[in-house]
């Protein structure tokens, strides 16, 4: 317990001594996290638009599996899609 308290006191003292470096590091982490969220969201939106435009133009069609037997899906998940 005493060692943890000492480590916390040293960490806070170093943060105060190097305030500019600490703020720059925190700002870089916030900006990096924001860019990561933005890029993942952009990729998801682009993928959705790509699927919608393929279905709208008729290049991709959704096919229901037959009710008589189970069809193998070759390890893929999601809807069965055929290319035109």
C-alpha atoms as a PDB file:
ATOM      1  CA  UNK A   1       0.000   0.000   0.000  1.00  0.00           C
ATOM      2  CA  UNK A   2       2.790   2.380   0.878  1.00  0.00           C
ATOM      3  CA  UNK A   3       4.577   1.620  -2.402  1.00  0.00           C
ATOM      4  CA  UNK A   4       1.422   2.303  -4.448  1.00  0.00           C
ATOM      5  CA  UNK A   5       0.967   5.640  -2.712  1.00  0.00           C
ATOM      6  CA  UNK A   6       4.588   6.555  -3.476  1.00  0.00           C
ATOM      7  CA  UNK A   7       4.167   5.599  -7.151  1.00  0.00           C
ATOM      8  CA  UNK A   8       0.997   7.677  -7.409  1.00  0.00           C
ATOM      9  CA  UNK A   9       2.714  10.672  -5.824  1.00  0.00           C
ATOM     10  CA  UNK A  10       5.683  10.372  -8.216  1.00  0.00           C
ATOM     11  CA  UNK A  11       3.378  10.033 -11.229  1.00  0.00           C
ATOM     12  CA  UNK A  12       1.377  13.131 -10.294  1.00  0.00           C
ATOM     13  CA  UNK A  13       4.555  15.112  -9.645  1.00  0.00           C
ATOM     14  CA  UNK A  14       5.938  14.153 -13.076  1.00  0.00           C
ATOM     15  CA  UNK A  15       2.667  15.116 -14.737  1.00  0.00           C
ATOM     16  CA  UNK A  16       2.863  18.557 -13.126  1.00  0.00           C
ATOM     17  CA  UNK A  17       6.520  19.011 -14.080  1.00  0.00           C
ATOM     18  CA  UNK A  18       5.960  18.034 -17.710  1.00  0.00           C
ATOM     19  CA  UNK A  19       2.525  19.593 -18.184  1.00  0.00           C
ATOM     20  CA  UNK A  20       3.051  20.594 -21.833  1.00  0.00           C
ATOM     21  CA  UNK A  21       4.312  17.150 -22.835  1.00  0.00           C
ATOM     22  CA  UNK A  22       1.436  15.493 -20.946  1.00  0.00           C
ATOM     23  CA  UNK A  23      -1.147  17.713 -22.674  1.00  0.00           C
ATOM     24  CA  UNK A  24       0.379  17.074 -26.106  1.00  0.00           C
ATOM     25  CA  UNK A  25       0.347  13.331 -25.482  1.00  0.00           C
ATOM     26  CA  UNK A  26      -3.270  13.411 -24.308  1.00  0.00           C
ATOM     27  CA  UNK A  27      -4.282  15.545 -27.305  1.00  0.00           C
ATOM     28  CA  UNK A  28      -2.537  13.153 -29.704  1.00  0.00           C
ATOM     29  CA  UNK A  29      -4.368  10.208 -28.149  1.00  0.00           C
ATOM     30  CA  UNK A  30      -7.745  11.966 -28.426  1.00  0.00           C
ATOM     31  CA  UNK A  31      -7.115  12.952 -32.053  1.00  0.00           C
ATOM     32  CA  UNK A  32      -5.912   9.428 -32.896  1.00  0.00           C
ATOM     33  CA  UNK A  33      -8.974   7.865 -31.304  1.00  0.00           C
ATOM     34  CA  UNK A  34     -11.255  10.266 -33.159  1.00  0.00           C
ATOM     35  CA  UNK A  35      -9.557   9.463 -36.471  1.00  0.00           C
ATOM     36  CA  UNK A  36      -9.884   5.749 -35.773  1.00  0.00           C
ATOM     37  CA  UNK A  37     -13.611   6.069 -35.085  1.00  0.00           C
ATOM     38  CA  UNK A  38     -14.040   8.240 -38.190  1.00  0.00           C
ATOM     39  CA  UNK A  39     -12.205   5.804 -40.463  1.00  0.00           C
ATOM     40  CA  UNK A  40     -14.141   2.764 -39.192  1.00  0.00           C
ATOM     41  CA  UNK A  41     -17.437   4.630 -39.623  1.00  0.00           C
ATOM     42  CA  UNK A  42     -16.462   5.743 -43.121  1.00  0.00           C
ATOM     43  CA  UNK A  43     -15.533   2.166 -44.054  1.00  0.00           C
ATOM     44  CA  UNK A  44     -18.823   0.793 -42.738  1.00  0.00           C
ATOM     45  CA  UNK A  45     -20.839   3.427 -44.581  1.00  0.00           C
ATOM     46  CA  UNK A  46     -18.935   2.842 -47.811  1.00  0.00           C
ATOM     47  CA  UNK A  47     -19.495  -0.904 -47.541  1.00  0.00           C
ATOM     48  CA  UNK A  48     -23.245  -0.411 -46.984  1.00  0.00           C
ATOM     49  CA  UNK A  49     -23.463   1.935 -49.984  1.00  0.00           C
ATOM     50  CA  UNK A  50     -21.546  -0.563 -52.111  1.00  0.00           C
ATOM     51  CA  UNK A  51     -23.957  -3.371 -51.214  1.00  0.00           C
ATOM     52  CA  UNK A  52     -27.033  -1.172 -51.761  1.00  0.00           C
ATOM     53  CA  UNK A  53     -25.838   0.022 -55.166  1.00  0.00           C
ATOM     54  CA  UNK A  54     -25.049  -3.550 -56.208  1.00  0.00           C
ATOM     55  CA  UNK A  55     -28.523  -4.720 -55.259  1.00  0.00           C
ATOM     56  CA  UNK A  56     -30.160  -1.658 -56.844  1.00  0.00           C
ATOM     57  CA  UNK A  57     -28.383  -2.162 -60.190  1.00  0.00           C
ATOM     58  CA  UNK A  58     -29.104  -5.886 -60.188  1.00  0.00           C
ATOM     59  CA  UNK A  59     -25.484  -6.984 -59.942  1.00  0.00           C
ATOM     60  CA  UNK A  60     -26.145  -8.644 -56.591  1.00  0.00           C
ATOM     61  CA  UNK A  61     -29.282 -10.541 -55.693  1.00  0.00           C
ATOM     62  CA  UNK A  62     -30.384 -12.033 -52.416  1.00  0.00           C
ATOM     63  CA  UNK A  63     -31.264 -15.690 -52.685  1.00  0.00           C
ATOM     64  CA  UNK A  64     -33.166 -17.656 -50.060  1.00  0.00           C
ATOM     65  CA  UNK A  65     -31.910 -21.137 -49.316  1.00  0.00           C
ATOM     66  CA  UNK A  66     -34.236 -23.950 -50.338  1.00  0.00           C
ATOM     67  CA  UNK A  67     -36.481 -25.362 -47.633  1.00  0.00           C
ATOM     68  CA  UNK A  68     -35.929 -28.986 -48.644  1.00  0.00           C
ATOM     69  CA  UNK A  69     -32.374 -29.378 -47.435  1.00  0.00           C
ATOM     70  CA  UNK A  70     -29.599 -27.504 -45.763  1.00  0.00           C
ATOM     71  CA  UNK A  71     -27.186 -25.801 -48.072  1.00  0.00           C
ATOM     72  CA  UNK A  72     -23.493 -25.498 -47.314  1.00  0.00           C
ATOM     73  CA  UNK A  73     -22.315 -21.938 -47.126  1.00  0.00           C
ATOM     74  CA  UNK A  74     -18.573 -22.530 -47.616  1.00  0.00           C
ATOM     75  CA  UNK A  75     -17.700 -20.967 -44.265  1.00  0.00           C
ATOM     76  CA  UNK A  76     -19.170 -17.544 -44.995  1.00  0.00           C
ATOM     77  CA  UNK A  77     -21.612 -15.789 -42.748  1.00  0.00           C
ATOM     78  CA  UNK A  78     -24.384 -13.469 -43.727  1.00  0.00           C
ATOM     79  CA  UNK A  79     -26.886 -13.526 -46.579  1.00  0.00           C
ATOM     80  CA  UNK A  80     -26.262 -15.593 -49.657  1.00  0.00           C
ATOM     81  CA  UNK A  81     -25.349 -13.263 -52.504  1.00  0.00           C
ATOM     82  CA  UNK A  82     -24.912 -14.151 -56.157  1.00  0.00           C
ATOM     83  CA  UNK A  83     -23.011 -12.004 -58.579  1.00  0.00           C
ATOM     84  CA  UNK A  84     -25.007 -11.237 -61.717  1.00  0.00           C
END
